[in-house]
Structures are given as structure tokens and as C-alpha cells.
Amino acid sequence: MIRNWNTAVRRTVGTLGGARRTGRRTAPVTYTLITMCCLLFLVSPAAGLNPAYGTGEELLAAQRAYFRRWGVVPAELFEDSPGSALTPATALFVHGSWVHLLGNMLFLYVFGAMTEERMGRLQFALFYLGCGYLALLGYAGANAHSQQSLVGASGAALPCLDRAAVLGVAAVDGGGPGGRRAGGGVPRAPGGLRAGLRLRLGAVRAYD
């Protein structure tokens, strides 16, 4: 099972790499999402690059206000505020640190591109945004009284791993003339790898 999954990953990455070398854009939605997240982070107080946000306690205060404005605050999400219903979407493009951003973007670059290549642009965009929104909504529902701000694209990027594994292995086992289809269901990503990535990325990042 692990061998089949690894074969699927290598084959899909090879396809994407060949497309990039020939100049053909295979995952424009993925690249657009990565660009948006990076640009928004660079101009935000979370990056710590803009002197206008100050330093020390002043910078920390600006970061807390930024996370609270654009992130999900569970205690406020289920109130009668129309704006709060949008925060599970806006929070997908907000990251709390350089490590948080780079980890998510690397993950999205690999598995998001693989998933988009197989699903198509529109389906992938809906899949990504839907998974991310529901992940943040679910986390907020389980912590309904929390005043922490929840931000990050992990809840949208992580499902790309499972989806890429399913689509990639299906292509290896059942794609093309004479291809065989996997019996007993399509193998998924190795459990240890998936568990490790969940521990690494988590569903969201919470900031006071």
C-alpha cells in the first residue's frame, strides 16, 4: 500500500514538473492561493517587516488586533453578526508566523497542485475553500466559548493530502488502457505520515 501511494506521488509530481519545464501552468488556482497568502502575510503585522506597526508590545498589540479582525473568534462566531460568518473564509488567508506560513504553503504547493491537476480548477477551488471553511467552523463549534483567534490554511491544505493520494493512486492503478483498478478500495496515505502531518500542521493556529 505504501509502495503504491509513493508511486502515485512520484508519478504526479513528475507530471507537474514536466508541465512546469514546458511552461504549461497545471495548477493556477494553487499558485494563486499561495501568492495571495504570501502577499497578505508580508503586508500584515504578523510578518514583522513593516515599521509602521512598531516593535515590542506595540507590534504584539497590532498582531492581536489583526488576528481578531480577520481570524475566527469562536465566542463571537455564533452571535448575530453577519460579518462573523465570513471569518472562516478570511482566516484561511491569515497566518501567524513565518513557520506557520511556510509550512502550509509548502504543503499546499505539493499536494494542492497534485489535487488540482486531477480534479480540475473549479472543483479544486470549491474543495479547498469548502474544507477550510468547515474545518474552522468545526473547530470553533468544539470550542464555542474560546476568545482566541483562529487563523491558517491548514484545515484546507491538509485534506489535499488524502485527496491527492486517492486521485493519484487511482490514476496509477486504473488509468490508461489496460490499467487495473485497485481491489478493495483505493489505498490512502500511510497512517503514520498522515498522523505526523496532522500533529505538525494541526487544524488551525490559535492566537490570544
C-alpha atoms as a PDB file:
ATOM      1  CA  MET A   1       0.000   0.000   0.000  1.00  0.00           C
ATOM      2  CA  ILE A   2       2.785   2.416   0.924  1.00  0.00           C
ATOM      3  CA  ARG A   3       4.634   1.467  -2.279  1.00  0.00           C
ATOM      4  CA  ASN A   4       1.522   2.204  -4.376  1.00  0.00           C
ATOM      5  CA  TRP A   5       0.994   5.543  -2.668  1.00  0.00           C
ATOM      6  CA  ASN A   6       4.617   6.548  -3.160  1.00  0.00           C
ATOM      7  CA  THR A   7       4.379   5.553  -6.821  1.00  0.00           C
ATOM      8  CA  ALA A   8       1.325   7.778  -7.198  1.00  0.00           C
ATOM      9  CA  VAL A   9       3.113  10.712  -5.599  1.00  0.00           C
ATOM     10  CA  ARG A  10       6.204  10.309  -7.798  1.00  0.00           C
ATOM     11  CA  ARG A  11       4.131   9.988 -10.946  1.00  0.00           C
ATOM     12  CA  THR A  12       2.002  13.044 -10.239  1.00  0.00           C
ATOM     13  CA  VAL A  13       4.952  15.167  -9.138  1.00  0.00           C
ATOM     14  CA  GLY A  14       6.775  14.100 -12.310  1.00  0.00           C
ATOM     15  CA  THR A  15       3.802  15.163 -14.410  1.00  0.00           C
ATOM     16  CA  LEU A  16       3.644  18.548 -12.700  1.00  0.00           C
ATOM     17  CA  GLY A  17       7.415  19.020 -13.006  1.00  0.00           C
ATOM     18  CA  GLY A  18       7.353  18.260 -16.718  1.00  0.00           C
ATOM     19  CA  ALA A  19       4.494  20.683 -17.224  1.00  0.00           C
ATOM     20  CA  ARG A  20       6.394  23.418 -15.404  1.00  0.00           C
ATOM     21  CA  ARG A  21       9.512  22.842 -17.531  1.00  0.00           C
ATOM     22  CA  THR A  22       7.467  23.224 -20.707  1.00  0.00           C
ATOM     23  CA  GLY A  23       5.828  26.400 -19.398  1.00  0.00           C
ATOM     24  CA  ARG A  24       2.326  24.944 -19.105  1.00  0.00           C
ATOM     25  CA  ARG A  25       0.527  26.033 -15.920  1.00  0.00           C
ATOM     26  CA  THR A  26      -1.120  22.962 -14.453  1.00  0.00           C
ATOM     27  CA  ALA A  27      -2.302  24.367 -11.128  1.00  0.00           C
ATOM     28  CA  PRO A  28      -3.137  28.082 -11.468  1.00  0.00           C
ATOM     29  CA  VAL A  29      -5.599  28.033  -8.545  1.00  0.00           C
ATOM     30  CA  THR A  30      -2.962  26.578  -6.233  1.00  0.00           C
ATOM     31  CA  TYR A  31      -0.365  29.122  -7.295  1.00  0.00           C
ATOM     32  CA  THR A  32      -2.863  31.959  -6.906  1.00  0.00           C
ATOM     33  CA  LEU A  33      -3.757  30.826  -3.370  1.00  0.00           C
ATOM     34  CA  ILE A  34      -0.080  30.606  -2.426  1.00  0.00           C
ATOM     35  CA  THR A  35       0.619  34.057  -3.861  1.00  0.00           C
ATOM     36  CA  MET A  36      -2.330  35.602  -2.022  1.00  0.00           C
ATOM     37  CA  CYS A  37      -1.370  34.047   1.310  1.00  0.00           C
ATOM     38  CA  CYS A  38       2.248  35.150   0.968  1.00  0.00           C
ATOM     39  CA  LEU A  39       1.458  38.708  -0.092  1.00  0.00           C
ATOM     40  CA  LEU A  40      -1.140  39.183   2.642  1.00  0.00           C
ATOM     41  CA  PHE A  41       1.304  37.871   5.214  1.00  0.00           C
ATOM     42  CA  LEU A  42       4.119  40.162   4.054  1.00  0.00           C
ATOM     43  CA  VAL A  43       1.995  43.304   4.443  1.00  0.00           C
ATOM     44  CA  SER A  44       0.488  42.190   7.748  1.00  0.00           C
ATOM     45  CA  PRO A  45       1.855  42.858  11.243  1.00  0.00           C
ATOM     46  CA  ALA A  46       2.444  39.105  11.615  1.00  0.00           C
ATOM     47  CA  ALA A  47       5.475  39.331   9.299  1.00  0.00           C
ATOM     48  CA  GLY A  48       7.102  41.975  11.468  1.00  0.00           C
ATOM     49  CA  LEU A  49       8.550  43.754   8.423  1.00  0.00           C
ATOM     50  CA  ASN A  50       6.526  46.969   8.370  1.00  0.00           C
ATOM     51  CA  PRO A  51       7.957  49.565  10.783  1.00  0.00           C
ATOM     52  CA  ALA A  52       4.561  51.270  10.857  1.00  0.00           C
ATOM     53  CA  TYR A  53       3.355  48.561  13.247  1.00  0.00           C
ATOM     54  CA  GLY A  54       6.098  49.394  15.713  1.00  0.00           C
ATOM     55  CA  THR A  55       8.112  46.987  17.800  1.00  0.00           C
ATOM     56  CA  GLY A  56       7.801  45.143  21.081  1.00  0.00           C
ATOM     57  CA  GLU A  57       4.453  45.482  22.815  1.00  0.00           C
ATOM     58  CA  GLU A  58       3.151  47.815  20.118  1.00  0.00           C
ATOM     59  CA  LEU A  59       3.787  45.183  17.438  1.00  0.00           C
ATOM     60  CA  LEU A  60       2.197  42.445  19.553  1.00  0.00           C
ATOM     61  CA  ALA A  61      -0.899  44.593  20.037  1.00  0.00           C
ATOM     62  CA  ALA A  62      -1.119  45.163  16.279  1.00  0.00           C
ATOM     63  CA  GLN A  63      -0.816  41.421  15.657  1.00  0.00           C
ATOM     64  CA  ARG A  64      -3.550  40.589  18.169  1.00  0.00           C
ATOM     65  CA  ALA A  65      -5.867  43.159  16.586  1.00  0.00           C
ATOM     66  CA  TYR A  66      -5.102  41.799  13.112  1.00  0.00           C
ATOM     67  CA  PHE A  67      -5.839  38.199  14.109  1.00  0.00           C
ATOM     68  CA  ARG A  68      -9.026  39.211  15.868  1.00  0.00           C
ATOM     69  CA  ARG A  69     -10.220  41.256  12.892  1.00  0.00           C
ATOM     70  CA  TRP A  70      -9.636  38.631  10.203  1.00  0.00           C
ATOM     71  CA  GLY A  71      -9.498  35.380  12.178  1.00  0.00           C
ATOM     72  CA  VAL A  72     -12.244  33.273  13.715  1.00  0.00           C
ATOM     73  CA  VAL A  73     -13.164  34.071  17.316  1.00  0.00           C
ATOM     74  CA  PRO A  74     -15.382  31.127  18.400  1.00  0.00           C
ATOM     75  CA  ALA A  75     -17.185  33.076  21.121  1.00  0.00           C
ATOM     76  CA  GLU A  76     -18.235  35.681  18.547  1.00  0.00           C
ATOM     77  CA  LEU A  77     -18.787  33.442  15.535  1.00  0.00           C
ATOM     78  CA  PHE A  78     -22.239  32.207  16.519  1.00  0.00           C
ATOM     79  CA  GLU A  79     -23.575  35.602  17.533  1.00  0.00           C
ATOM     80  CA  ASP A  80     -25.966  37.583  15.338  1.00  0.00           C
ATOM     81  CA  SER A  81     -23.155  39.304  13.449  1.00  0.00           C
ATOM     82  CA  PRO A  82     -23.190  38.870   9.646  1.00  0.00           C
ATOM     83  CA  GLY A  83     -19.506  39.740   9.447  1.00  0.00           C
ATOM     84  CA  SER A  84     -18.518  36.901  11.766  1.00  0.00           C
ATOM     85  CA  ALA A  85     -19.902  34.345   9.316  1.00  0.00           C
ATOM     86  CA  LEU A  86     -17.249  35.419   6.808  1.00  0.00           C
ATOM     87  CA  THR A  87     -14.298  34.980   9.148  1.00  0.00           C
ATOM     88  CA  PRO A  88     -13.870  31.210   8.479  1.00  0.00           C
ATOM     89  CA  ALA A  89     -13.156  32.255   4.880  1.00  0.00           C
ATOM     90  CA  THR A  90     -10.910  35.242   5.612  1.00  0.00           C
ATOM     91  CA  ALA A  91      -8.963  33.291   8.248  1.00  0.00           C
ATOM     92  CA  LEU A  92      -7.783  30.878   5.536  1.00  0.00           C
ATOM     93  CA  PHE A  93      -5.529  33.608   4.163  1.00  0.00           C
ATOM     94  CA  VAL A  94      -4.101  34.714   7.514  1.00  0.00           C
ATOM     95  CA  HIS A  95      -1.021  33.143   9.109  1.00  0.00           C
ATOM     96  CA  GLY A  96       0.527  33.784  12.472  1.00  0.00           C
ATOM     97  CA  SER A  97       4.234  33.338  11.814  1.00  0.00           C
ATOM     98  CA  TRP A  98       6.827  32.605   9.149  1.00  0.00           C
ATOM     99  CA  VAL A  99       6.949  28.927  10.140  1.00  0.00           C
ATOM    100  CA  HIS A 100       3.157  28.702  10.032  1.00  0.00           C
ATOM    101  CA  LEU A 101       3.046  30.274   6.561  1.00  0.00           C
ATOM    102  CA  LEU A 102       5.938  28.349   5.012  1.00  0.00           C
ATOM    103  CA  GLY A 103       4.758  25.007   6.361  1.00  0.00           C
ATOM    104  CA  ASN A 104       1.279  25.450   4.942  1.00  0.00           C
ATOM    105  CA  MET A 105       2.458  26.840   1.619  1.00  0.00           C
ATOM    106  CA  LEU A 106       4.961  24.038   1.056  1.00  0.00           C
ATOM    107  CA  PHE A 107       2.240  21.513   1.824  1.00  0.00           C
ATOM    108  CA  LEU A 108      -0.201  23.305  -0.500  1.00  0.00           C
ATOM    109  CA  TYR A 109       2.404  23.594  -3.265  1.00  0.00           C
ATOM    110  CA  VAL A 110       2.978  19.826  -3.338  1.00  0.00           C
ATOM    111  CA  PHE A 111      -0.393  18.289  -2.556  1.00  0.00           C
ATOM    112  CA  GLY A 112      -2.602  21.177  -3.690  1.00  0.00           C
ATOM    113  CA  ALA A 113      -1.024  21.147  -7.149  1.00  0.00           C
ATOM    114  CA  MET A 114      -1.419  17.379  -7.333  1.00  0.00           C
ATOM    115  CA  THR A 115      -5.068  17.590  -6.339  1.00  0.00           C
ATOM    116  CA  GLU A 116      -5.872  20.432  -8.738  1.00  0.00           C
ATOM    117  CA  GLU A 117      -4.169  18.578 -11.586  1.00  0.00           C
ATOM    118  CA  ARG A 118      -6.544  15.652 -11.066  1.00  0.00           C
ATOM    119  CA  MET A 119      -9.753  17.449 -10.014  1.00  0.00           C
ATOM    120  CA  GLY A 120      -9.728  20.481 -12.270  1.00  0.00           C
ATOM    121  CA  ARG A 121      -9.636  24.154 -11.359  1.00  0.00           C
ATOM    122  CA  LEU A 122     -13.218  24.850 -10.324  1.00  0.00           C
ATOM    123  CA  GLN A 123     -13.715  21.641  -8.376  1.00  0.00           C
ATOM    124  CA  PHE A 124     -10.429  22.117  -6.569  1.00  0.00           C
ATOM    125  CA  ALA A 125     -11.232  25.733  -5.659  1.00  0.00           C
ATOM    126  CA  LEU A 126     -14.577  24.683  -4.181  1.00  0.00           C
ATOM    127  CA  PHE A 127     -12.960  21.711  -2.436  1.00  0.00           C
ATOM    128  CA  TYR A 128     -10.205  23.845  -0.906  1.00  0.00           C
ATOM    129  CA  LEU A 129     -12.435  26.667   0.292  1.00  0.00           C
ATOM    130  CA  GLY A 130     -15.157  24.298   1.490  1.00  0.00           C
ATOM    131  CA  CYS A 131     -12.785  22.118   3.503  1.00  0.00           C
ATOM    132  CA  GLY A 132     -11.072  25.135   5.023  1.00  0.00           C
ATOM    133  CA  TYR A 133     -14.329  26.825   5.975  1.00  0.00           C
ATOM    134  CA  LEU A 134     -15.760  23.679   7.536  1.00  0.00           C
ATOM    135  CA  ALA A 135     -12.538  22.924   9.419  1.00  0.00           C
ATOM    136  CA  LEU A 136     -12.508  26.348  11.047  1.00  0.00           C
ATOM    137  CA  LEU A 137     -16.232  26.213  11.680  1.00  0.00           C
ATOM    138  CA  GLY A 138     -15.953  22.789  13.276  1.00  0.00           C
ATOM    139  CA  TYR A 139     -13.039  23.795  15.485  1.00  0.00           C
ATOM    140  CA  ALA A 140     -14.924  26.890  16.582  1.00  0.00           C
ATOM    141  CA  GLY A 141     -18.016  24.813  17.336  1.00  0.00           C
ATOM    142  CA  ALA A 142     -15.993  22.473  19.534  1.00  0.00           C
ATOM    143  CA  ASN A 143     -14.519  25.464  21.395  1.00  0.00           C
ATOM    144  CA  ALA A 144     -17.530  27.745  21.325  1.00  0.00           C
ATOM    145  CA  HIS A 145     -16.559  29.801  24.373  1.00  0.00           C
ATOM    146  CA  SER A 146     -12.966  30.468  23.347  1.00  0.00           C
ATOM    147  CA  GLN A 147     -11.823  34.050  22.881  1.00  0.00           C
ATOM    148  CA  GLN A 148      -8.726  33.033  20.913  1.00  0.00           C
ATOM    149  CA  SER A 149      -8.416  33.980  17.260  1.00  0.00           C
ATOM    150  CA  LEU A 150      -8.127  31.020  14.906  1.00  0.00           C
ATOM    151  CA  VAL A 151      -6.214  31.521  11.655  1.00  0.00           C
ATOM    152  CA  GLY A 152      -4.465  29.496   8.981  1.00  0.00           C
ATOM    153  CA  ALA A 153      -4.937  27.431   5.832  1.00  0.00           C
ATOM    154  CA  SER A 154      -4.081  24.093   7.447  1.00  0.00           C
ATOM    155  CA  GLY A 155      -7.700  22.956   7.519  1.00  0.00           C
ATOM    156  CA  ALA A 156      -7.877  23.496   3.747  1.00  0.00           C
ATOM    157  CA  ALA A 157      -4.389  22.275   2.822  1.00  0.00           C
ATOM    158  CA  LEU A 158      -4.408  19.068   4.834  1.00  0.00           C
ATOM    159  CA  PRO A 159      -7.376  17.443   3.024  1.00  0.00           C
ATOM    160  CA  CYS A 160      -5.369  17.841  -0.193  1.00  0.00           C
ATOM    161  CA  LEU A 161      -3.095  15.054   1.047  1.00  0.00           C
ATOM    162  CA  ASP A 162      -5.896  12.495   1.288  1.00  0.00           C
ATOM    163  CA  ARG A 163      -7.477  13.681  -1.931  1.00  0.00           C
ATOM    164  CA  ALA A 164      -4.186  13.629  -3.832  1.00  0.00           C
ATOM    165  CA  ALA A 165      -3.493  10.116  -2.537  1.00  0.00           C
ATOM    166  CA  VAL A 166      -6.896   8.860  -3.654  1.00  0.00           C
ATOM    167  CA  LEU A 167      -6.743  10.505  -7.074  1.00  0.00           C
ATOM    168  CA  GLY A 168      -3.067   9.764  -7.640  1.00  0.00           C
ATOM    169  CA  VAL A 169      -3.261   6.082  -6.742  1.00  0.00           C
ATOM    170  CA  ALA A 170      -6.457   5.726  -8.777  1.00  0.00           C
ATOM    171  CA  ALA A 171      -4.567   7.079 -11.771  1.00  0.00           C
ATOM    172  CA  VAL A 172      -1.735   4.593 -11.238  1.00  0.00           C
ATOM    173  CA  ASP A 173      -3.959   1.567 -10.657  1.00  0.00           C
ATOM    174  CA  GLY A 174      -6.793   2.322 -13.029  1.00  0.00           C
ATOM    175  CA  GLY A 175      -5.623   4.902 -15.534  1.00  0.00           C
ATOM    176  CA  GLY A 176      -4.992   4.277 -19.191  1.00  0.00           C
ATOM    177  CA  PRO A 177      -5.823   1.385 -21.497  1.00  0.00           C
ATOM    178  CA  GLY A 178      -5.457  -1.972 -19.821  1.00  0.00           C
ATOM    179  CA  GLY A 179      -4.867  -0.384 -16.440  1.00  0.00           C
ATOM    180  CA  ARG A 180      -6.066  -2.402 -13.484  1.00  0.00           C
ATOM    181  CA  ARG A 181      -8.282  -0.949 -10.798  1.00  0.00           C
ATOM    182  CA  ALA A 182      -7.286  -1.433  -7.200  1.00  0.00           C
ATOM    183  CA  GLY A 183      -9.273  -4.084  -5.455  1.00  0.00           C
ATOM    184  CA  GLY A 184     -10.892  -3.436  -2.105  1.00  0.00           C
ATOM    185  CA  GLY A 185     -10.771   0.334  -2.400  1.00  0.00           C
ATOM    186  CA  VAL A 186      -8.054   2.802  -3.239  1.00  0.00           C
ATOM    187  CA  PRO A 187      -5.097   2.873  -0.837  1.00  0.00           C
ATOM    188  CA  ARG A 188      -4.778   6.004   1.237  1.00  0.00           C
ATOM    189  CA  ALA A 189      -1.710   7.798   2.505  1.00  0.00           C
ATOM    190  CA  PRO A 190       0.239   5.836   5.121  1.00  0.00           C
ATOM    191  CA  GLY A 191      -1.320   6.326   8.527  1.00  0.00           C
ATOM    192  CA  GLY A 192       1.944   7.322  10.210  1.00  0.00           C
ATOM    193  CA  LEU A 193       2.598  10.029   7.631  1.00  0.00           C
ATOM    194  CA  ARG A 194      -0.926  11.419   7.868  1.00  0.00           C
ATOM    195  CA  ALA A 195      -0.824  11.413  11.661  1.00  0.00           C
ATOM    196  CA  GLY A 196       2.556  13.139  11.682  1.00  0.00           C
ATOM    197  CA  LEU A 197       1.360  15.845   9.327  1.00  0.00           C
ATOM    198  CA  ARG A 198      -1.705  16.430  11.462  1.00  0.00           C
ATOM    199  CA  LEU A 199       0.498  16.873  14.506  1.00  0.00           C
ATOM    200  CA  ARG A 200       2.767  19.201  12.542  1.00  0.00           C
ATOM    201  CA  LEU A 201       0.160  21.352  10.889  1.00  0.00           C
ATOM    202  CA  GLY A 202      -2.874  20.971  13.110  1.00  0.00           C
ATOM    203  CA  ALA A 203      -6.292  22.153  12.041  1.00  0.00           C
ATOM    204  CA  VAL A 204      -5.703  25.828  12.801  1.00  0.00           C
ATOM    205  CA  ARG A 205      -3.467  28.105  14.792  1.00  0.00           C
ATOM    206  CA  ALA A 206      -4.892  29.929  17.810  1.00  0.00           C
ATOM    207  CA  TYR A 207      -3.622  33.311  18.992  1.00  0.00           C
ATOM    208  CA  ASP A 208      -4.667  35.319  22.004  1.00  0.00           C
END
